[in-house]
Amino acid sequence: MMEQFFLASGIALVLLMALSLYRVVAGPTVLDRILGGNVIGTKTTVLLLIIGVLFDNVGMFVDIAIAYAMLNFIATLGAAKYFLRRGSVHLEDAE
């Protein structure tokens, strides 16, 4: 019963990640794209933990999820700093 709940939750997260991927691809501003990428990374971290519960090996997947979350955080900071220094963070993309 619980296994089916976690499986359904994982599938729902993957569908929500697809919606966030649309924001990354189509997002009108650079900030929307960065935020969409960050949301995908956060949902991936939770998905890794759900996979750990499904495989009855949470300890290993927690380590992977923490490493992935740190990598996602550093990448988001790096992208934000890059676009801040570049000075191209506008309300609309330059065409």
N, C-alpha and C. Protein backbone atom coordinates (compact mmCIF):
# COMPACT_ATOMS: atom_id res chain seq x y z
N MET A 1 0.82 -1.20 0.00
CA MET A 1 0.00 0.00 0.00
C MET A 1 0.87 1.26 0.00
N MET A 2 1.84 1.34 0.92
CA MET A 2 2.72 2.50 0.97
C MET A 2 3.60 2.58 -0.27
N GLU A 3 3.99 1.41 -0.78
CA GLU A 3 4.82 1.39 -1.97
C GLU A 3 4.08 2.01 -3.15
N GLN A 4 2.79 1.74 -3.27
CA GLN A 4 2.00 2.33 -4.35
C GLN A 4 1.86 3.84 -4.17
N PHE A 5 1.76 4.29 -2.93
CA PHE A 5 1.68 5.72 -2.66
C PHE A 5 2.96 6.42 -3.09
N PHE A 6 4.12 5.85 -2.73
CA PHE A 6 5.39 6.46 -3.11
C PHE A 6 5.60 6.41 -4.62
N LEU A 7 5.17 5.35 -5.25
CA LEU A 7 5.27 5.25 -6.70
C LEU A 7 4.40 6.31 -7.37
N ALA A 8 3.18 6.49 -6.90
CA ALA A 8 2.29 7.52 -7.45
C ALA A 8 2.86 8.92 -7.21
N SER A 9 3.47 9.12 -6.04
CA SER A 9 4.09 10.41 -5.74
C SER A 9 5.25 10.68 -6.68
N GLY A 10 6.04 9.65 -6.96
CA GLY A 10 7.16 9.80 -7.88
C GLY A 10 6.70 10.13 -9.28
N ILE A 11 5.65 9.49 -9.73
CA ILE A 11 5.12 9.78 -11.07
C ILE A 11 4.57 11.21 -11.12
N ALA A 12 3.90 11.64 -10.06
CA ALA A 12 3.39 13.01 -10.01
C ALA A 12 4.54 14.02 -10.05
N LEU A 13 5.63 13.72 -9.35
CA LEU A 13 6.78 14.62 -9.37
C LEU A 13 7.39 14.71 -10.77
N VAL A 14 7.46 13.60 -11.48
CA VAL A 14 8.00 13.62 -12.83
C VAL A 14 7.12 14.47 -13.74
N LEU A 15 5.81 14.38 -13.58
CA LEU A 15 4.91 15.22 -14.38
C LEU A 15 5.08 16.70 -14.04
N LEU A 16 5.25 17.01 -12.76
CA LEU A 16 5.49 18.39 -12.37
C LEU A 16 6.85 18.90 -12.89
N MET A 17 7.82 17.99 -12.97
CA MET A 17 9.11 18.37 -13.54
C MET A 17 8.97 18.70 -15.02
N ALA A 18 8.09 18.01 -15.71
CA ALA A 18 7.85 18.30 -17.13
C ALA A 18 7.26 19.71 -17.29
N LEU A 19 6.37 20.10 -16.38
CA LEU A 19 5.83 21.46 -16.44
C LEU A 19 6.93 22.50 -16.18
N SER A 20 7.82 22.20 -15.25
CA SER A 20 8.93 23.12 -14.98
C SER A 20 9.89 23.18 -16.17
N LEU A 21 10.05 22.05 -16.86
CA LEU A 21 10.90 22.04 -18.05
C LEU A 21 10.34 22.96 -19.13
N TYR A 22 9.03 23.03 -19.23
CA TYR A 22 8.43 23.97 -20.16
C TYR A 22 8.82 25.40 -19.81
N ARG A 23 8.85 25.74 -18.52
CA ARG A 23 9.24 27.08 -18.09
C ARG A 23 10.72 27.35 -18.42
N VAL A 24 11.55 26.32 -18.33
CA VAL A 24 12.96 26.49 -18.66
C VAL A 24 13.13 26.76 -20.15
N VAL A 25 12.39 26.05 -20.96
CA VAL A 25 12.52 26.20 -22.42
C VAL A 25 11.85 27.48 -22.90
N ALA A 26 10.64 27.75 -22.44
CA ALA A 26 9.86 28.85 -23.00
C ALA A 26 9.86 30.12 -22.15
N GLY A 27 10.38 30.04 -20.93
CA GLY A 27 10.31 31.17 -20.02
C GLY A 27 10.75 32.47 -20.64
N PRO A 28 9.97 33.52 -20.49
CA PRO A 28 10.28 34.76 -21.20
C PRO A 28 11.57 35.44 -20.70
N THR A 29 11.95 35.23 -19.47
CA THR A 29 13.16 35.90 -18.98
C THR A 29 14.19 34.87 -18.53
N VAL A 30 15.39 35.36 -18.37
CA VAL A 30 16.48 34.52 -17.88
C VAL A 30 16.20 34.05 -16.46
N LEU A 31 15.61 34.93 -15.66
CA LEU A 31 15.30 34.56 -14.28
C LEU A 31 14.27 33.43 -14.22
N ASP A 32 13.30 33.43 -15.14
CA ASP A 32 12.34 32.32 -15.19
C ASP A 32 13.05 31.02 -15.51
N ARG A 33 14.00 31.07 -16.41
CA ARG A 33 14.73 29.85 -16.79
C ARG A 33 15.58 29.34 -15.64
N ILE A 34 16.25 30.25 -14.93
CA ILE A 34 17.07 29.83 -13.78
C ILE A 34 16.19 29.23 -12.70
N LEU A 35 15.06 29.87 -12.42
CA LEU A 35 14.15 29.37 -11.39
C LEU A 35 13.56 28.02 -11.79
N GLY A 36 13.22 27.86 -13.06
CA GLY A 36 12.70 26.58 -13.54
C GLY A 36 13.72 25.47 -13.38
N GLY A 37 14.97 25.76 -13.69
CA GLY A 37 16.04 24.77 -13.49
C GLY A 37 16.23 24.42 -12.03
N ASN A 38 16.11 25.41 -11.17
CA ASN A 38 16.24 25.17 -9.74
C ASN A 38 15.08 24.31 -9.22
N VAL A 39 13.89 24.56 -9.72
CA VAL A 39 12.73 23.76 -9.30
C VAL A 39 12.90 22.31 -9.74
N ILE A 40 13.40 22.11 -10.97
CA ILE A 40 13.64 20.74 -11.44
C ILE A 40 14.67 20.05 -10.56
N GLY A 41 15.72 20.75 -10.18
CA GLY A 41 16.73 20.17 -9.31
C GLY A 41 16.19 19.81 -7.94
N THR A 42 15.32 20.65 -7.39
CA THR A 42 14.73 20.36 -6.08
C THR A 42 13.82 19.15 -6.16
N LYS A 43 13.01 19.08 -7.20
CA LYS A 43 12.12 17.93 -7.36
C LYS A 43 12.93 16.65 -7.61
N THR A 44 14.05 16.75 -8.27
CA THR A 44 14.90 15.59 -8.49
C THR A 44 15.46 15.08 -7.16
N THR A 45 15.82 16.00 -6.27
CA THR A 45 16.30 15.61 -4.95
C THR A 45 15.24 14.81 -4.20
N VAL A 46 14.00 15.29 -4.23
CA VAL A 46 12.91 14.58 -3.55
C VAL A 46 12.65 13.24 -4.24
N LEU A 47 12.73 13.22 -5.56
CA LEU A 47 12.53 11.98 -6.30
C LEU A 47 13.59 10.94 -5.95
N LEU A 48 14.82 11.37 -5.74
CA LEU A 48 15.88 10.45 -5.32
C LEU A 48 15.55 9.83 -3.96
N LEU A 49 15.00 10.62 -3.06
CA LEU A 49 14.63 10.09 -1.74
C LEU A 49 13.48 9.11 -1.85
N ILE A 50 12.53 9.39 -2.73
CA ILE A 50 11.42 8.45 -2.93
C ILE A 50 11.93 7.14 -3.51
N ILE A 51 12.87 7.23 -4.45
CA ILE A 51 13.46 6.01 -5.01
C ILE A 51 14.18 5.22 -3.92
N GLY A 52 14.85 5.93 -3.01
CA GLY A 52 15.51 5.25 -1.89
C GLY A 52 14.53 4.50 -1.01
N VAL A 53 13.36 5.09 -0.77
CA VAL A 53 12.34 4.41 0.02
C VAL A 53 11.82 3.18 -0.73
N LEU A 54 11.61 3.31 -2.03
CA LEU A 54 11.09 2.19 -2.81
C LEU A 54 12.07 1.01 -2.86
N PHE A 55 13.37 1.31 -2.89
CA PHE A 55 14.38 0.25 -2.94
C PHE A 55 14.87 -0.19 -1.57
N ASP A 56 14.27 0.32 -0.51
CA ASP A 56 14.66 -0.01 0.87
C ASP A 56 16.14 0.23 1.15
N ASN A 57 16.68 1.28 0.55
CA ASN A 57 18.08 1.64 0.76
C ASN A 57 18.17 3.16 0.85
N VAL A 58 17.52 3.72 1.85
CA VAL A 58 17.41 5.16 1.97
C VAL A 58 18.77 5.80 2.24
N GLY A 59 19.62 5.13 3.01
CA GLY A 59 20.91 5.70 3.38
C GLY A 59 21.76 6.10 2.19
N MET A 60 21.87 5.22 1.22
CA MET A 60 22.67 5.53 0.04
C MET A 60 22.04 6.66 -0.78
N PHE A 61 20.73 6.64 -0.92
CA PHE A 61 20.07 7.65 -1.73
C PHE A 61 20.04 9.01 -1.04
N VAL A 62 20.08 9.03 0.28
CA VAL A 62 20.16 10.31 0.98
C VAL A 62 21.49 10.99 0.66
N ASP A 63 22.57 10.21 0.65
CA ASP A 63 23.88 10.78 0.30
C ASP A 63 23.88 11.34 -1.12
N ILE A 64 23.31 10.60 -2.04
CA ILE A 64 23.24 11.06 -3.43
C ILE A 64 22.38 12.31 -3.53
N ALA A 65 21.25 12.33 -2.82
CA ALA A 65 20.34 13.47 -2.87
C ALA A 65 20.99 14.73 -2.29
N ILE A 66 21.74 14.57 -1.21
CA ILE A 66 22.41 15.73 -0.62
C ILE A 66 23.47 16.28 -1.57
N ALA A 67 24.24 15.39 -2.18
CA ALA A 67 25.25 15.84 -3.13
C ALA A 67 24.60 16.54 -4.33
N TYR A 68 23.49 16.00 -4.81
CA TYR A 68 22.81 16.61 -5.94
C TYR A 68 22.21 17.96 -5.56
N ALA A 69 21.67 18.07 -4.36
CA ALA A 69 21.10 19.34 -3.90
C ALA A 69 22.18 20.41 -3.79
N MET A 70 23.36 20.04 -3.28
CA MET A 70 24.45 21.00 -3.18
C MET A 70 24.91 21.44 -4.57
N LEU A 71 25.01 20.50 -5.50
CA LEU A 71 25.40 20.82 -6.87
C LEU A 71 24.36 21.73 -7.52
N ASN A 72 23.09 21.47 -7.29
CA ASN A 72 22.02 22.31 -7.84
C ASN A 72 22.10 23.73 -7.27
N PHE A 73 22.34 23.84 -5.97
CA PHE A 73 22.44 25.15 -5.32
C PHE A 73 23.62 25.94 -5.87
N ILE A 74 24.76 25.29 -5.99
CA ILE A 74 25.95 25.98 -6.50
C ILE A 74 25.76 26.40 -7.95
N ALA A 75 25.13 25.55 -8.76
CA ALA A 75 24.88 25.90 -10.16
C ALA A 75 23.92 27.08 -10.27
N THR A 76 22.92 27.13 -9.42
CA THR A 76 21.98 28.25 -9.44
C THR A 76 22.66 29.54 -9.04
N LEU A 77 23.48 29.48 -8.01
CA LEU A 77 24.24 30.67 -7.61
C LEU A 77 25.18 31.12 -8.71
N GLY A 78 25.84 30.17 -9.34
CA GLY A 78 26.76 30.51 -10.42
C GLY A 78 26.06 31.14 -11.60
N ALA A 79 24.91 30.62 -11.99
CA ALA A 79 24.17 31.19 -13.10
C ALA A 79 23.66 32.59 -12.75
N ALA A 80 23.16 32.77 -11.54
CA ALA A 80 22.67 34.08 -11.12
C ALA A 80 23.80 35.10 -11.09
N LYS A 81 24.96 34.70 -10.59
CA LYS A 81 26.10 35.62 -10.53
C LYS A 81 26.60 35.95 -11.93
N TYR A 82 26.61 34.97 -12.82
CA TYR A 82 27.05 35.20 -14.20
C TYR A 82 26.16 36.22 -14.88
N PHE A 83 24.85 36.03 -14.78
CA PHE A 83 23.94 36.95 -15.46
C PHE A 83 23.89 38.31 -14.77
N LEU A 84 24.17 38.36 -13.48
CA LEU A 84 24.25 39.64 -12.79
C LEU A 84 25.45 40.44 -13.26
N ARG A 85 26.60 39.78 -13.38
CA ARG A 85 27.80 40.47 -13.86
C ARG A 85 27.69 40.84 -15.33
N ARG A 86 27.05 39.99 -16.10
CA ARG A 86 26.88 40.23 -17.53
C ARG A 86 25.93 41.41 -17.75
N GLY A 87 25.03 41.60 -16.81
CA GLY A 87 24.11 42.72 -16.90
C GLY A 87 22.97 42.49 -17.87
N SER A 88 22.65 41.23 -18.15
CA SER A 88 21.61 40.96 -19.14
C SER A 88 20.35 40.39 -18.52
N VAL A 89 20.14 40.65 -17.24
CA VAL A 89 18.92 40.19 -16.61
C VAL A 89 17.89 41.32 -16.75
N HIS A 90 17.02 41.18 -17.73
CA HIS A 90 15.99 42.17 -18.01
C HIS A 90 14.63 41.52 -17.85
N LEU A 91 13.60 42.32 -17.94
CA LEU A 91 12.25 41.77 -17.87
C LEU A 91 11.91 40.98 -19.12
N GLU A 92 12.54 41.30 -20.24
CA GLU A 92 12.33 40.55 -21.47
C GLU A 92 13.69 40.26 -22.08
N ASP A 93 13.79 39.14 -22.79
CA ASP A 93 15.05 38.78 -23.43
C ASP A 93 15.35 39.75 -24.58
N ALA A 94 16.62 40.05 -24.72
CA ALA A 94 17.03 40.88 -25.86
C ALA A 94 16.96 40.03 -27.12
N GLU A 95 16.33 40.58 -28.12
CA GLU A 95 16.17 39.80 -29.36
C GLU A 95 17.07 40.33 -30.44
